[in-house]
Amino acid sequence: MRDMLERDFFGKVVAHVYSIEHQQKGPPHAHCLFTLHPSVPTWDPAWVDQYVNAEIPVMPDDDDHSQEAEETRAYIEFLANSMFHDCHGKLLGIGHPDQSQPAL
């Protein structure tokens, strides 16, 4: 919060709200919403790409049975089953033709 509010990490914050959640597993976490000054170019994809990044590994070849390949498959399956969903909350699998992108 200090980075955002005092150090202007993303730019000047003009308003903010947050909620701390305590769940059964793991430490508490925060959901934050920041409104940045209109001079911050949040509309510019290049600006957003400086701060937001998500990468999904490429699915290994079917004939690759190395430990690394098996771990990568398990990781992609985990992502597909728990991290991707459509706007109705339905979980999506990996279905993009090259299987390096989620089926969104």
C-alpha atoms as a PDB file:
ATOM      1  CA  MET A   1       0.000   0.000   0.000  1.00  0.00           C
ATOM      2  CA  ARG A   2       2.830   2.361   0.784  1.00  0.00           C
ATOM      3  CA  ASP A   3       4.308   1.837  -2.686  1.00  0.00           C
ATOM      4  CA  MET A   4       0.962   2.734  -4.248  1.00  0.00           C
ATOM      5  CA  LEU A   5      -0.092   5.607  -2.004  1.00  0.00           C
ATOM      6  CA  GLU A   6       3.163   7.282  -1.012  1.00  0.00           C
ATOM      7  CA  ARG A   7       5.649   6.271  -3.697  1.00  0.00           C
ATOM      8  CA  ASP A   8       3.258   6.525  -6.690  1.00  0.00           C
ATOM      9  CA  PHE A   9       4.342   3.117  -8.011  1.00  0.00           C
ATOM     10  CA  PHE A  10       1.842   3.200 -10.901  1.00  0.00           C
ATOM     11  CA  GLY A  11       1.312   6.964 -10.799  1.00  0.00           C
ATOM     12  CA  LYS A  12      -0.594   9.404  -8.629  1.00  0.00           C
ATOM     13  CA  VAL A  13      -3.482   7.705  -6.782  1.00  0.00           C
ATOM     14  CA  VAL A  14      -6.546   9.941  -6.406  1.00  0.00           C
ATOM     15  CA  ALA A  15      -8.807   7.393  -4.659  1.00  0.00           C
ATOM     16  CA  HIS A  16      -8.572   3.898  -3.244  1.00  0.00           C
ATOM     17  CA  VAL A  17     -10.544   1.254  -1.380  1.00  0.00           C
ATOM     18  CA  TYR A  18      -9.464  -2.130  -0.045  1.00  0.00           C
ATOM     19  CA  SER A  19     -10.732  -5.122   1.867  1.00  0.00           C
ATOM     20  CA  ILE A  20      -8.684  -7.610   3.882  1.00  0.00           C
ATOM     21  CA  GLU A  21      -9.934 -11.205   3.689  1.00  0.00           C
ATOM     22  CA  HIS A  22      -9.112 -14.012   6.100  1.00  0.00           C
ATOM     23  CA  GLN A  23      -9.694 -17.487   4.724  1.00  0.00           C
ATOM     24  CA  GLN A  24      -9.367 -20.965   6.216  1.00  0.00           C
ATOM     25  CA  LYS A  25      -6.083 -21.685   4.452  1.00  0.00           C
ATOM     26  CA  GLY A  26      -3.129 -19.390   3.955  1.00  0.00           C
ATOM     27  CA  PRO A  27      -2.440 -15.885   5.167  1.00  0.00           C
ATOM     28  CA  PRO A  28      -4.856 -12.970   4.912  1.00  0.00           C
ATOM     29  CA  HIS A  29      -4.880 -11.148   1.598  1.00  0.00           C
ATOM     30  CA  ALA A  30      -6.161  -7.845   0.263  1.00  0.00           C
ATOM     31  CA  HIS A  31      -8.373  -6.862  -2.640  1.00  0.00           C
ATOM     32  CA  CYS A  32      -7.499  -3.309  -3.673  1.00  0.00           C
ATOM     33  CA  LEU A  33      -8.976  -0.849  -6.139  1.00  0.00           C
ATOM     34  CA  PHE A  34      -6.973   2.247  -7.055  1.00  0.00           C
ATOM     35  CA  THR A  35      -8.122   5.176  -9.167  1.00  0.00           C
ATOM     36  CA  LEU A  36      -5.156   6.837 -10.808  1.00  0.00           C
ATOM     37  CA  HIS A  37      -4.844  10.468 -11.834  1.00  0.00           C
ATOM     38  CA  PRO A  38      -6.112  11.094 -15.390  1.00  0.00           C
ATOM     39  CA  SER A  39      -2.563  11.925 -16.493  1.00  0.00           C
ATOM     40  CA  VAL A  40      -1.564   8.251 -16.035  1.00  0.00           C
ATOM     41  CA  PRO A  41      -1.964   6.529 -19.440  1.00  0.00           C
ATOM     42  CA  THR A  42      -3.869   3.456 -18.217  1.00  0.00           C
ATOM     43  CA  TRP A  43      -5.595   3.309 -21.634  1.00  0.00           C
ATOM     44  CA  ASP A  44      -2.258   2.561 -23.327  1.00  0.00           C
ATOM     45  CA  PRO A  45      -1.569  -1.191 -23.691  1.00  0.00           C
ATOM     46  CA  ALA A  46       2.186  -0.549 -23.604  1.00  0.00           C
ATOM     47  CA  TRP A  47       1.816   1.122 -20.194  1.00  0.00           C
ATOM     48  CA  VAL A  48      -0.286  -1.763 -18.862  1.00  0.00           C
ATOM     49  CA  ASP A  49       2.203  -4.337 -20.197  1.00  0.00           C
ATOM     50  CA  GLN A  50       4.934  -2.768 -18.049  1.00  0.00           C
ATOM     51  CA  TYR A  51       3.089  -3.962 -14.936  1.00  0.00           C
ATOM     52  CA  VAL A  52       0.786  -6.833 -15.891  1.00  0.00           C
ATOM     53  CA  ASN A  53       2.169 -10.083 -17.233  1.00  0.00           C
ATOM     54  CA  ALA A  54       0.870 -13.624 -17.386  1.00  0.00           C
ATOM     55  CA  GLU A  55       2.539 -16.467 -19.205  1.00  0.00           C
ATOM     56  CA  ILE A  56       1.386 -20.018 -19.736  1.00  0.00           C
ATOM     57  CA  PRO A  57       4.047 -22.551 -20.638  1.00  0.00           C
ATOM     58  CA  VAL A  58       3.928 -24.342 -23.974  1.00  0.00           C
ATOM     59  CA  MET A  59       2.542 -27.871 -23.761  1.00  0.00           C
ATOM     60  CA  PRO A  60       5.374 -30.396 -24.254  1.00  0.00           C
ATOM     61  CA  ASP A  61       5.275 -32.823 -27.175  1.00  0.00           C
ATOM     62  CA  ASP A  62       3.191 -35.962 -26.533  1.00  0.00           C
ATOM     63  CA  ASP A  63       6.256 -38.177 -26.870  1.00  0.00           C
ATOM     64  CA  ASP A  64       8.262 -36.208 -24.264  1.00  0.00           C
ATOM     65  CA  HIS A  65       8.031 -38.119 -20.974  1.00  0.00           C
ATOM     66  CA  SER A  66      10.836 -36.339 -19.129  1.00  0.00           C
ATOM     67  CA  GLN A  67      10.226 -35.195 -15.564  1.00  0.00           C
ATOM     68  CA  GLU A  68      10.204 -31.567 -16.711  1.00  0.00           C
ATOM     69  CA  ALA A  69       7.579 -32.337 -19.386  1.00  0.00           C
ATOM     70  CA  GLU A  70       5.370 -34.202 -16.891  1.00  0.00           C
ATOM     71  CA  GLU A  71       5.659 -31.335 -14.387  1.00  0.00           C
ATOM     72  CA  THR A  72       4.789 -28.815 -17.107  1.00  0.00           C
ATOM     73  CA  ARG A  73       1.712 -30.855 -18.103  1.00  0.00           C
ATOM     74  CA  ALA A  74       0.600 -31.043 -14.458  1.00  0.00           C
ATOM     75  CA  TYR A  75       1.098 -27.283 -14.062  1.00  0.00           C
ATOM     76  CA  ILE A  76      -0.903 -26.491 -17.216  1.00  0.00           C
ATOM     77  CA  GLU A  77      -3.672 -28.842 -16.056  1.00  0.00           C
ATOM     78  CA  PHE A  78      -3.737 -27.094 -12.682  1.00  0.00           C
ATOM     79  CA  LEU A  79      -3.999 -23.706 -14.393  1.00  0.00           C
ATOM     80  CA  ALA A  80      -6.741 -24.911 -16.718  1.00  0.00           C
ATOM     81  CA  ASN A  81      -8.789 -26.409 -13.883  1.00  0.00           C
ATOM     82  CA  SER A  82      -8.454 -23.622 -11.359  1.00  0.00           C
ATOM     83  CA  MET A  83      -7.435 -20.336 -12.952  1.00  0.00           C
ATOM     84  CA  PHE A  84      -9.364 -19.867 -16.216  1.00  0.00           C
ATOM     85  CA  HIS A  85     -13.070 -19.174 -16.356  1.00  0.00           C
ATOM     86  CA  ASP A  86     -15.537 -17.433 -18.587  1.00  0.00           C
ATOM     87  CA  CYS A  87     -17.707 -14.503 -17.498  1.00  0.00           C
ATOM     88  CA  HIS A  88     -20.315 -16.950 -16.146  1.00  0.00           C
ATOM     89  CA  GLY A  89     -17.875 -18.672 -13.787  1.00  0.00           C
ATOM     90  CA  LYS A  90     -17.527 -21.860 -15.837  1.00  0.00           C
ATOM     91  CA  LEU A  91     -13.985 -23.235 -15.717  1.00  0.00           C
ATOM     92  CA  LEU A  92     -12.293 -23.572 -19.095  1.00  0.00           C
ATOM     93  CA  GLY A  93      -9.657 -26.030 -20.238  1.00  0.00           C
ATOM     94  CA  ILE A  94      -6.723 -25.564 -22.548  1.00  0.00           C
ATOM     95  CA  GLY A  95      -8.312 -25.624 -25.977  1.00  0.00           C
ATOM     96  CA  HIS A  96      -6.372 -23.201 -28.129  1.00  0.00           C
ATOM     97  CA  PRO A  97      -4.955 -24.926 -31.242  1.00  0.00           C
ATOM     98  CA  ASP A  98      -1.324 -24.469 -30.202  1.00  0.00           C
ATOM     99  CA  GLN A  99      -2.214 -25.209 -26.545  1.00  0.00           C
ATOM    100  CA  SER A 100      -0.010 -22.360 -25.294  1.00  0.00           C
ATOM    101  CA  GLN A 101      -2.962 -20.060 -24.648  1.00  0.00           C
ATOM    102  CA  PRO A 102      -6.107 -20.586 -22.573  1.00  0.00           C
ATOM    103  CA  ALA A 103      -9.425 -21.199 -24.292  1.00  0.00           C
ATOM    104  CA  LEU A 104     -11.042 -17.861 -23.591  1.00  0.00           C
END
